[in-house]
Amino acid sequence: MIFQDPMTSLNPVIPVGEQVAEMLELHNEEKLDRSSINQKVDELFEMVGIPRARKHEYPHQFSGGMKQRAVIAIALACRPELLVADEPTTALDVTIQAQVLAMMDDLKKKFGTSMIMITHDLGIVAETCDIVAVMYAGEIVEQALCLISLRGKSTIPIRKDYSDPSLGWTVRKNVSGPLTA
């Protein structure tokens, strides 16, 4: 699970590397010793773009993007088949948001992991999702496949008819987002 706010996910009094190691120790199906766990922490840090030398630092010493990368390292430590990302880029500026989303996409492919992206940002949906489900009052009210353009990264949800959605909500959201048909 990748949470919306990494500061509420990270313990402020434990170095970030120890928090990643704790996940590996708690779910140590490979029966790794401490040295191997430390090596895995280094590998995870490198994968998410955190220099391994920073694993002894505390969360308050990391930027927002680095904290989110640390949370992603924790989430990937056990090589999950399904990764749930709850608004993972909400608190990040646009540049860091793009970097984190690209990294998540690369890691998803590298680990062979599926991902459920929970977001209100249709721009993120357009860049990262293969299938879109729109929820309203706890129910899925619309669902669509996305088509990735061969000329770039723009993604267009495929729907039968945008001019007549079952709820006016989707059209209002689409007007404000990058989605065009």
N, C-alpha and C. Protein backbone atom coordinates (compact mmCIF):
# COMPACT_ATOMS: atom_id res chain seq x y z
N MET A 1 0.85 -1.17 0.00
CA MET A 1 0.00 0.00 0.00
C MET A 1 0.90 1.24 0.00
N ILE A 2 0.60 2.16 -0.89
CA ILE A 2 1.29 3.45 -0.91
C ILE A 2 0.26 4.47 -0.45
N PHE A 3 0.54 5.10 0.67
CA PHE A 3 -0.43 6.02 1.26
C PHE A 3 -0.28 7.43 0.73
N GLN A 4 -1.35 8.20 0.90
CA GLN A 4 -1.42 9.57 0.41
C GLN A 4 -0.36 10.47 1.05
N ASP A 5 -0.19 10.38 2.34
CA ASP A 5 0.75 11.26 3.04
C ASP A 5 1.86 10.42 3.66
N PRO A 6 3.06 10.46 3.09
CA PRO A 6 4.13 9.61 3.62
C PRO A 6 4.52 9.93 5.06
N MET A 7 4.31 11.17 5.50
CA MET A 7 4.69 11.50 6.89
C MET A 7 3.82 10.77 7.90
N THR A 8 2.60 10.43 7.55
CA THR A 8 1.77 9.65 8.48
C THR A 8 2.07 8.16 8.38
N SER A 9 2.82 7.76 7.35
CA SER A 9 3.19 6.35 7.17
C SER A 9 4.56 6.05 7.75
N LEU A 10 5.41 7.06 7.81
CA LEU A 10 6.77 6.87 8.30
C LEU A 10 6.87 7.26 9.78
N ASN A 11 7.58 6.46 10.54
CA ASN A 11 7.80 6.76 11.95
C ASN A 11 8.89 7.83 12.06
N PRO A 12 8.59 8.98 12.67
CA PRO A 12 9.56 10.08 12.70
C PRO A 12 10.80 9.83 13.55
N VAL A 13 10.79 8.81 14.42
CA VAL A 13 11.93 8.58 15.31
C VAL A 13 12.77 7.35 14.92
N ILE A 14 12.47 6.78 13.77
CA ILE A 14 13.23 5.62 13.29
C ILE A 14 13.81 5.97 11.91
N PRO A 15 15.10 5.74 11.70
CA PRO A 15 15.68 6.01 10.38
C PRO A 15 14.91 5.29 9.27
N VAL A 16 14.82 5.92 8.13
CA VAL A 16 14.01 5.40 7.03
C VAL A 16 14.48 4.01 6.60
N GLY A 17 15.78 3.79 6.52
CA GLY A 17 16.30 2.48 6.14
C GLY A 17 15.86 1.38 7.09
N GLU A 18 15.79 1.69 8.38
CA GLU A 18 15.33 0.70 9.36
C GLU A 18 13.86 0.37 9.15
N GLN A 19 13.09 1.34 8.69
CA GLN A 19 11.67 1.09 8.44
C GLN A 19 11.47 0.16 7.25
N VAL A 20 12.30 0.30 6.24
CA VAL A 20 12.25 -0.62 5.09
C VAL A 20 12.71 -2.00 5.56
N ALA A 21 13.78 -2.05 6.34
CA ALA A 21 14.29 -3.32 6.86
C ALA A 21 13.25 -4.02 7.73
N GLU A 22 12.51 -3.26 8.51
CA GLU A 22 11.47 -3.85 9.37
C GLU A 22 10.44 -4.60 8.53
N MET A 23 10.05 -4.03 7.40
CA MET A 23 9.09 -4.70 6.52
C MET A 23 9.66 -6.02 6.03
N LEU A 24 10.94 -6.01 5.65
CA LEU A 24 11.58 -7.23 5.18
C LEU A 24 11.70 -8.27 6.30
N GLU A 25 11.97 -7.81 7.52
CA GLU A 25 12.08 -8.74 8.66
C GLU A 25 10.72 -9.34 9.02
N LEU A 26 9.67 -8.53 8.97
CA LEU A 26 8.34 -9.02 9.34
C LEU A 26 7.80 -10.03 8.33
N HIS A 27 8.21 -9.89 7.09
CA HIS A 27 7.72 -10.78 6.03
C HIS A 27 8.90 -11.52 5.40
N ASN A 28 9.73 -12.10 6.22
CA ASN A 28 10.99 -12.72 5.80
C ASN A 28 10.79 -14.17 5.39
N GLU A 29 10.09 -14.39 4.29
CA GLU A 29 9.83 -15.74 3.81
C GLU A 29 11.09 -16.40 3.26
N GLU A 30 12.06 -15.60 2.85
CA GLU A 30 13.30 -16.14 2.31
C GLU A 30 14.31 -16.48 3.41
N LYS A 31 13.97 -16.18 4.66
CA LYS A 31 14.85 -16.44 5.81
C LYS A 31 16.19 -15.73 5.65
N LEU A 32 16.13 -14.46 5.29
CA LEU A 32 17.34 -13.66 5.10
C LEU A 32 17.96 -13.29 6.44
N ASP A 33 19.29 -13.26 6.50
CA ASP A 33 19.96 -12.78 7.70
C ASP A 33 20.03 -11.25 7.65
N ARG A 34 20.51 -10.63 8.71
CA ARG A 34 20.53 -9.17 8.81
C ARG A 34 21.36 -8.52 7.69
N SER A 35 22.46 -9.13 7.35
CA SER A 35 23.32 -8.61 6.28
C SER A 35 22.59 -8.61 4.94
N SER A 36 21.88 -9.68 4.64
CA SER A 36 21.12 -9.77 3.39
C SER A 36 19.96 -8.78 3.38
N ILE A 37 19.34 -8.58 4.53
CA ILE A 37 18.25 -7.60 4.62
C ILE A 37 18.79 -6.20 4.35
N ASN A 38 19.95 -5.89 4.94
CA ASN A 38 20.56 -4.57 4.69
C ASN A 38 20.90 -4.38 3.21
N GLN A 39 21.35 -5.44 2.58
CA GLN A 39 21.67 -5.39 1.15
C GLN A 39 20.38 -5.14 0.34
N LYS A 40 19.29 -5.80 0.73
CA LYS A 40 18.00 -5.59 0.05
C LYS A 40 17.52 -4.15 0.23
N VAL A 41 17.72 -3.59 1.42
CA VAL A 41 17.34 -2.20 1.67
C VAL A 41 18.11 -1.29 0.72
N ASP A 42 19.41 -1.53 0.59
CA ASP A 42 20.23 -0.74 -0.34
C ASP A 42 19.69 -0.85 -1.77
N GLU A 43 19.35 -2.06 -2.19
CA GLU A 43 18.81 -2.28 -3.53
C GLU A 43 17.50 -1.54 -3.73
N LEU A 44 16.61 -1.62 -2.74
CA LEU A 44 15.32 -0.93 -2.83
C LEU A 44 15.51 0.58 -2.90
N PHE A 45 16.41 1.10 -2.08
CA PHE A 45 16.68 2.54 -2.11
C PHE A 45 17.17 2.96 -3.50
N GLU A 46 18.10 2.20 -4.06
CA GLU A 46 18.60 2.52 -5.39
C GLU A 46 17.49 2.46 -6.43
N MET A 47 16.61 1.47 -6.33
CA MET A 47 15.51 1.32 -7.29
C MET A 47 14.57 2.52 -7.28
N VAL A 48 14.33 3.09 -6.10
CA VAL A 48 13.39 4.21 -6.00
C VAL A 48 14.10 5.57 -6.07
N GLY A 49 15.40 5.56 -6.30
CA GLY A 49 16.12 6.81 -6.50
C GLY A 49 16.57 7.50 -5.24
N ILE A 50 16.76 6.75 -4.17
CA ILE A 50 17.30 7.31 -2.93
C ILE A 50 18.72 6.76 -2.76
N PRO A 51 19.71 7.63 -2.64
CA PRO A 51 21.08 7.13 -2.43
C PRO A 51 21.14 6.27 -1.16
N ARG A 52 21.78 5.13 -1.25
CA ARG A 52 21.84 4.21 -0.10
C ARG A 52 22.48 4.85 1.13
N ALA A 53 23.32 5.85 0.93
CA ALA A 53 23.97 6.52 2.06
C ALA A 53 22.95 7.26 2.94
N ARG A 54 21.75 7.50 2.42
CA ARG A 54 20.73 8.23 3.18
C ARG A 54 19.84 7.33 4.03
N LYS A 55 20.09 6.03 4.02
CA LYS A 55 19.21 5.12 4.74
C LYS A 55 19.26 5.30 6.26
N HIS A 56 20.27 5.99 6.76
CA HIS A 56 20.37 6.21 8.20
C HIS A 56 19.70 7.52 8.63
N GLU A 57 19.15 8.24 7.68
CA GLU A 57 18.49 9.52 7.98
C GLU A 57 17.05 9.31 8.39
N TYR A 58 16.51 10.32 9.04
CA TYR A 58 15.14 10.29 9.55
C TYR A 58 14.20 10.94 8.54
N PRO A 59 12.90 10.61 8.60
CA PRO A 59 11.95 11.17 7.63
C PRO A 59 12.00 12.70 7.50
N HIS A 60 12.21 13.41 8.61
CA HIS A 60 12.20 14.88 8.52
C HIS A 60 13.38 15.42 7.71
N GLN A 61 14.37 14.58 7.44
CA GLN A 61 15.53 14.99 6.65
C GLN A 61 15.31 14.77 5.15
N PHE A 62 14.19 14.19 4.80
CA PHE A 62 13.87 13.91 3.40
C PHE A 62 12.89 14.96 2.88
N SER A 63 12.96 15.24 1.57
CA SER A 63 11.96 16.09 0.92
C SER A 63 10.67 15.28 0.78
N GLY A 64 9.60 15.94 0.36
CA GLY A 64 8.33 15.25 0.16
C GLY A 64 8.44 14.12 -0.85
N GLY A 65 9.14 14.40 -1.96
CA GLY A 65 9.31 13.37 -2.98
C GLY A 65 10.14 12.20 -2.48
N MET A 66 11.16 12.48 -1.69
CA MET A 66 12.00 11.40 -1.13
C MET A 66 11.21 10.57 -0.12
N LYS A 67 10.37 11.22 0.67
CA LYS A 67 9.52 10.47 1.61
C LYS A 67 8.60 9.53 0.85
N GLN A 68 8.00 10.04 -0.23
CA GLN A 68 7.10 9.19 -1.01
C GLN A 68 7.86 8.03 -1.63
N ARG A 69 9.08 8.26 -2.08
CA ARG A 69 9.91 7.19 -2.62
C ARG A 69 10.22 6.14 -1.54
N ALA A 70 10.47 6.60 -0.31
CA ALA A 70 10.72 5.67 0.79
C ALA A 70 9.49 4.80 1.07
N VAL A 71 8.31 5.40 1.03
CA VAL A 71 7.07 4.65 1.24
C VAL A 71 6.88 3.63 0.11
N ILE A 72 7.24 4.02 -1.11
CA ILE A 72 7.16 3.08 -2.24
C ILE A 72 8.13 1.93 -2.04
N ALA A 73 9.32 2.21 -1.53
CA ALA A 73 10.29 1.14 -1.23
C ALA A 73 9.73 0.17 -0.21
N ILE A 74 9.08 0.71 0.82
CA ILE A 74 8.46 -0.15 1.83
C ILE A 74 7.37 -1.01 1.20
N ALA A 75 6.55 -0.39 0.35
CA ALA A 75 5.45 -1.12 -0.29
C ALA A 75 5.95 -2.23 -1.20
N LEU A 76 7.09 -2.00 -1.86
CA LEU A 76 7.62 -2.99 -2.80
C LEU A 76 8.54 -4.02 -2.14
N ALA A 77 8.89 -3.81 -0.89
CA ALA A 77 9.85 -4.68 -0.21
C ALA A 77 9.46 -6.15 -0.26
N CYS A 78 8.19 -6.43 -0.17
CA CYS A 78 7.74 -7.83 -0.15
C CYS A 78 7.29 -8.32 -1.52
N ARG A 79 7.57 -7.54 -2.55
CA ARG A 79 7.22 -7.91 -3.93
C ARG A 79 5.75 -8.31 -4.05
N PRO A 80 4.86 -7.37 -3.78
CA PRO A 80 3.42 -7.70 -3.82
C PRO A 80 2.93 -7.95 -5.24
N GLU A 81 1.90 -8.77 -5.36
CA GLU A 81 1.27 -8.99 -6.66
C GLU A 81 0.37 -7.82 -7.01
N LEU A 82 -0.19 -7.18 -5.98
CA LEU A 82 -1.08 -6.03 -6.17
C LEU A 82 -0.62 -4.90 -5.27
N LEU A 83 -0.45 -3.75 -5.87
CA LEU A 83 -0.03 -2.55 -5.15
C LEU A 83 -1.20 -1.57 -5.18
N VAL A 84 -1.62 -1.09 -4.02
CA VAL A 84 -2.69 -0.10 -3.94
C VAL A 84 -2.06 1.24 -3.64
N ALA A 85 -2.28 2.20 -4.52
CA ALA A 85 -1.70 3.54 -4.38
C ALA A 85 -2.84 4.53 -4.14
N ASP A 86 -2.92 5.04 -2.92
CA ASP A 86 -3.99 5.96 -2.54
C ASP A 86 -3.49 7.39 -2.64
N GLU A 87 -3.84 8.09 -3.71
CA GLU A 87 -3.43 9.48 -3.93
C GLU A 87 -1.92 9.65 -3.65
N PRO A 88 -1.07 8.86 -4.32
CA PRO A 88 0.35 8.86 -3.98
C PRO A 88 1.12 10.14 -4.31
N THR A 89 0.53 11.03 -5.10
CA THR A 89 1.27 12.23 -5.50
C THR A 89 0.57 13.52 -5.09
N THR A 90 -0.41 13.43 -4.23
CA THR A 90 -1.21 14.61 -3.86
C THR A 90 -0.37 15.76 -3.32
N ALA A 91 0.57 15.48 -2.46
CA ALA A 91 1.33 16.54 -1.79
C ALA A 91 2.60 16.94 -2.56
N LEU A 92 2.77 16.44 -3.77
CA LEU A 92 4.00 16.69 -4.52
C LEU A 92 3.79 17.76 -5.58
N ASP A 93 4.86 18.51 -5.88
CA ASP A 93 4.74 19.48 -6.98
C ASP A 93 4.73 18.72 -8.30
N VAL A 94 4.35 19.39 -9.37
CA VAL A 94 4.12 18.75 -10.66
C VAL A 94 5.36 18.03 -11.19
N THR A 95 6.53 18.61 -11.04
CA THR A 95 7.76 17.98 -11.55
C THR A 95 8.06 16.69 -10.80
N ILE A 96 8.01 16.74 -9.48
CA ILE A 96 8.27 15.55 -8.67
C ILE A 96 7.16 14.52 -8.89
N GLN A 97 5.93 14.99 -9.03
CA GLN A 97 4.80 14.10 -9.31
C GLN A 97 5.07 13.28 -10.57
N ALA A 98 5.52 13.93 -11.63
CA ALA A 98 5.80 13.23 -12.88
C ALA A 98 6.92 12.21 -12.69
N GLN A 99 7.95 12.57 -11.94
CA GLN A 99 9.06 11.65 -11.69
C GLN A 99 8.60 10.43 -10.90
N VAL A 100 7.80 10.66 -9.87
CA VAL A 100 7.32 9.56 -9.03
C VAL A 100 6.40 8.64 -9.83
N LEU A 101 5.52 9.21 -10.65
CA LEU A 101 4.62 8.38 -11.47
C LEU A 101 5.40 7.55 -12.48
N ALA A 102 6.41 8.15 -13.11
CA ALA A 102 7.24 7.41 -14.06
C ALA A 102 7.98 6.28 -13.36
N MET A 103 8.50 6.57 -12.16
CA MET A 103 9.22 5.56 -11.40
C MET A 103 8.27 4.42 -11.00
N MET A 104 7.06 4.78 -10.55
CA MET A 104 6.08 3.75 -10.17
C MET A 104 5.73 2.86 -11.36
N ASP A 105 5.58 3.46 -12.53
CA ASP A 105 5.28 2.69 -13.73
C ASP A 105 6.42 1.74 -14.07
N ASP A 106 7.65 2.23 -14.00
CA ASP A 106 8.82 1.39 -14.27
C ASP A 106 8.92 0.24 -13.28
N LEU A 107 8.73 0.54 -11.99
CA LEU A 107 8.83 -0.50 -10.96
C LEU A 107 7.69 -1.51 -11.07
N LYS A 108 6.52 -1.04 -11.44
CA LYS A 108 5.38 -1.94 -11.64
C LYS A 108 5.72 -2.96 -12.71
N LYS A 109 6.33 -2.51 -13.79
CA LYS A 109 6.73 -3.42 -14.87
C LYS A 109 7.86 -4.33 -14.43
N LYS A 110 8.84 -3.78 -13.73
CA LYS A 110 10.00 -4.56 -13.28
C LYS A 110 9.59 -5.69 -12.34
N PHE A 111 8.67 -5.40 -11.41
CA PHE A 111 8.25 -6.38 -10.42
C PHE A 111 7.09 -7.25 -10.91
N GLY A 112 6.50 -6.89 -12.06
CA GLY A 112 5.34 -7.64 -12.54
C GLY A 112 4.15 -7.48 -11.62
N THR A 113 3.99 -6.29 -11.08
CA THR A 113 2.96 -5.99 -10.10
C THR A 113 1.80 -5.26 -10.75
N SER A 114 0.60 -5.61 -10.40
CA SER A 114 -0.58 -4.84 -10.81
C SER A 114 -0.76 -3.71 -9.81
N MET A 115 -1.43 -2.64 -10.25
CA MET A 115 -1.61 -1.51 -9.35
C MET A 115 -3.02 -0.95 -9.47
N ILE A 116 -3.60 -0.65 -8.32
CA ILE A 116 -4.86 0.09 -8.26
C ILE A 116 -4.49 1.50 -7.84
N MET A 117 -4.80 2.46 -8.68
CA MET A 117 -4.50 3.87 -8.42
C MET A 117 -5.79 4.55 -7.98
N ILE A 118 -5.80 5.05 -6.77
CA ILE A 118 -6.96 5.79 -6.25
C ILE A 118 -6.61 7.27 -6.35
N THR A 119 -7.39 8.02 -7.13
CA THR A 119 -7.08 9.43 -7.32
C THR A 119 -8.30 10.21 -7.77
N HIS A 120 -8.25 11.50 -7.54
CA HIS A 120 -9.26 12.42 -8.08
C HIS A 120 -8.72 13.14 -9.29
N ASP A 121 -7.45 12.96 -9.60
CA ASP A 121 -6.75 13.70 -10.64
C ASP A 121 -6.80 12.92 -11.95
N LEU A 122 -7.64 13.37 -12.88
CA LEU A 122 -7.77 12.67 -14.15
C LEU A 122 -6.51 12.79 -15.01
N GLY A 123 -5.66 13.76 -14.72
CA GLY A 123 -4.38 13.84 -15.41
C GLY A 123 -3.51 12.65 -15.07
N ILE A 124 -3.54 12.24 -13.80
CA ILE A 124 -2.80 11.04 -13.38
C ILE A 124 -3.41 9.81 -14.02
N VAL A 125 -4.73 9.75 -14.06
CA VAL A 125 -5.41 8.63 -14.70
C VAL A 125 -4.97 8.53 -16.15
N ALA A 126 -4.94 9.67 -16.84
CA ALA A 126 -4.58 9.69 -18.25
C ALA A 126 -3.16 9.19 -18.49
N GLU A 127 -2.27 9.40 -17.55
CA GLU A 127 -0.87 9.01 -17.72
C GLU A 127 -0.56 7.60 -17.25
N THR A 128 -1.35 7.05 -16.32
CA THR A 128 -0.92 5.81 -15.67
C THR A 128 -1.86 4.62 -15.77
N CYS A 129 -3.09 4.83 -16.13
CA CYS A 129 -4.06 3.74 -15.98
C CYS A 129 -4.39 3.04 -17.29
N ASP A 130 -4.65 1.73 -17.20
CA ASP A 130 -5.10 0.94 -18.33
C ASP A 130 -6.62 0.82 -18.34
N ILE A 131 -7.20 0.77 -17.16
CA ILE A 131 -8.65 0.69 -17.00
C ILE A 131 -9.05 1.76 -15.98
N VAL A 132 -10.14 2.45 -16.27
CA VAL A 132 -10.63 3.50 -15.38
C VAL A 132 -11.99 3.09 -14.85
N ALA A 133 -12.18 3.23 -13.55
CA ALA A 133 -13.49 3.03 -12.94
C ALA A 133 -13.84 4.30 -12.18
N VAL A 134 -14.98 4.86 -12.47
CA VAL A 134 -15.44 6.06 -11.78
C VAL A 134 -16.40 5.61 -10.68
N MET A 135 -16.12 6.06 -9.47
CA MET A 135 -16.98 5.70 -8.34
C MET A 135 -17.77 6.91 -7.88
N TYR A 136 -18.98 6.65 -7.45
CA TYR A 136 -19.82 7.69 -6.89
C TYR A 136 -20.58 7.05 -5.74
N ALA A 137 -20.48 7.63 -4.57
CA ALA A 137 -21.16 7.12 -3.37
C ALA A 137 -20.83 5.66 -3.11
N GLY A 138 -19.56 5.30 -3.32
CA GLY A 138 -19.10 3.96 -3.01
C GLY A 138 -19.42 2.90 -4.04
N GLU A 139 -19.99 3.29 -5.16
CA GLU A 139 -20.34 2.35 -6.22
C GLU A 139 -19.63 2.72 -7.51
N ILE A 140 -19.23 1.72 -8.28
CA ILE A 140 -18.67 1.99 -9.60
C ILE A 140 -19.83 2.32 -10.52
N VAL A 141 -19.80 3.54 -11.08
CA VAL A 141 -20.88 3.99 -11.96
C VAL A 141 -20.47 3.99 -13.42
N GLU A 142 -19.18 3.98 -13.70
CA GLU A 142 -18.69 3.91 -15.06
C GLU A 142 -17.35 3.19 -15.06
N GLN A 143 -17.08 2.52 -16.15
CA GLN A 143 -15.81 1.83 -16.30
C GLN A 143 -15.42 1.89 -17.77
N ALA A 144 -14.12 2.07 -18.03
CA ALA A 144 -13.67 2.17 -19.42
C ALA A 144 -12.23 1.70 -19.55
N LEU A 145 -11.89 1.23 -20.74
CA LEU A 145 -10.49 0.94 -21.08
C LEU A 145 -9.84 2.24 -21.50
N CYS A 146 -8.52 2.31 -21.38
CA CYS A 146 -7.78 3.47 -21.88
C CYS A 146 -6.96 3.04 -23.08
N LEU A 147 -6.83 3.95 -24.02
CA LEU A 147 -6.03 3.70 -25.22
C LEU A 147 -4.81 4.58 -25.15
N ILE A 148 -3.63 3.97 -25.23
CA ILE A 148 -2.39 4.73 -25.17
C ILE A 148 -1.99 5.13 -26.59
N SER A 149 -1.84 6.40 -26.80
CA SER A 149 -1.48 6.91 -28.12
C SER A 149 -0.08 6.44 -28.49
N LEU A 150 0.11 6.04 -29.73
CA LEU A 150 1.42 5.59 -30.19
C LEU A 150 2.37 6.77 -30.41
N ARG A 151 1.83 7.98 -30.49
CA ARG A 151 2.67 9.14 -30.76
C ARG A 151 3.18 9.80 -29.50
N GLY A 152 2.64 9.49 -28.37
CA GLY A 152 3.08 10.14 -27.14
C GLY A 152 2.50 9.43 -25.95
N LYS A 153 2.43 10.15 -24.84
CA LYS A 153 1.94 9.54 -23.61
C LYS A 153 0.48 9.85 -23.34
N SER A 154 -0.18 10.58 -24.24
CA SER A 154 -1.57 10.92 -23.98
C SER A 154 -2.42 9.66 -23.98
N THR A 155 -3.33 9.60 -23.08
CA THR A 155 -4.19 8.45 -22.93
C THR A 155 -5.64 8.90 -23.05
N ILE A 156 -6.43 8.17 -23.78
CA ILE A 156 -7.81 8.55 -24.00
C ILE A 156 -8.71 7.43 -23.51
N PRO A 157 -9.55 7.69 -22.51
CA PRO A 157 -10.50 6.65 -22.12
C PRO A 157 -11.47 6.37 -23.27
N ILE A 158 -11.78 5.11 -23.46
CA ILE A 158 -12.71 4.72 -24.52
C ILE A 158 -14.07 4.51 -23.87
N ARG A 159 -15.04 5.28 -24.29
CA ARG A 159 -16.42 5.13 -23.81
C ARG A 159 -17.33 5.06 -25.02
N LYS A 160 -18.50 4.55 -24.82
CA LYS A 160 -19.44 4.48 -25.92
C LYS A 160 -19.88 5.88 -26.34
N ASP A 161 -20.23 6.72 -25.39
CA ASP A 161 -20.78 8.02 -25.74
C ASP A 161 -20.54 9.01 -24.61
N TYR A 162 -19.59 9.93 -24.82
CA TYR A 162 -19.33 10.94 -23.80
C TYR A 162 -20.44 11.97 -23.70
N SER A 163 -21.22 12.12 -24.75
CA SER A 163 -22.25 13.15 -24.73
C SER A 163 -23.45 12.75 -23.89
N ASP A 164 -23.56 11.48 -23.52
CA ASP A 164 -24.71 11.03 -22.74
C ASP A 164 -24.28 10.11 -21.60
N PRO A 165 -23.49 10.64 -20.63
CA PRO A 165 -23.07 9.77 -19.52
C PRO A 165 -24.24 9.50 -18.58
N SER A 166 -24.13 8.43 -17.85
CA SER A 166 -25.21 8.11 -16.90
C SER A 166 -25.28 9.13 -15.78
N LEU A 167 -24.16 9.76 -15.46
CA LEU A 167 -24.14 10.82 -14.47
C LEU A 167 -23.46 12.05 -15.05
N GLY A 168 -23.93 13.22 -14.75
CA GLY A 168 -23.31 14.44 -15.22
C GLY A 168 -21.92 14.64 -14.63
N TRP A 169 -21.60 13.93 -13.55
CA TRP A 169 -20.32 14.07 -12.85
C TRP A 169 -19.15 13.84 -13.79
N THR A 170 -19.20 12.79 -14.61
CA THR A 170 -18.07 12.44 -15.46
C THR A 170 -17.79 13.52 -16.48
N VAL A 171 -18.83 14.05 -17.10
CA VAL A 171 -18.62 15.12 -18.08
C VAL A 171 -18.01 16.33 -17.41
N ARG A 172 -18.48 16.71 -16.23
CA ARG A 172 -17.90 17.85 -15.52
C ARG A 172 -16.44 17.61 -15.23
N LYS A 173 -16.07 16.42 -14.80
CA LYS A 173 -14.67 16.10 -14.52
C LYS A 173 -13.85 16.11 -15.81
N ASN A 174 -14.40 15.57 -16.90
CA ASN A 174 -13.66 15.50 -18.16
C ASN A 174 -13.40 16.89 -18.73
N VAL A 175 -14.30 17.81 -18.52
CA VAL A 175 -14.09 19.18 -19.03
C VAL A 175 -12.87 19.81 -18.39
N SER A 176 -12.61 19.49 -17.12
CA SER A 176 -11.48 20.10 -16.43
C SER A 176 -10.18 19.33 -16.59
N GLY A 177 -10.22 18.14 -17.16
CA GLY A 177 -9.01 17.31 -17.26
C GLY A 177 -8.47 17.28 -18.68
N PRO A 178 -7.39 16.53 -18.88
CA PRO A 178 -6.71 16.50 -20.18
C PRO A 178 -7.35 15.52 -21.17
N LEU A 179 -8.48 14.94 -20.80
CA LEU A 179 -9.06 13.89 -21.63
C LEU A 179 -9.84 14.51 -22.79
N THR A 180 -9.55 14.06 -23.98
CA THR A 180 -10.28 14.53 -25.15
C THR A 180 -10.69 13.37 -26.00
N ALA A 181 -11.77 13.52 -26.71
CA ALA A 181 -12.23 12.42 -27.58
C ALA A 181 -12.62 12.94 -28.94
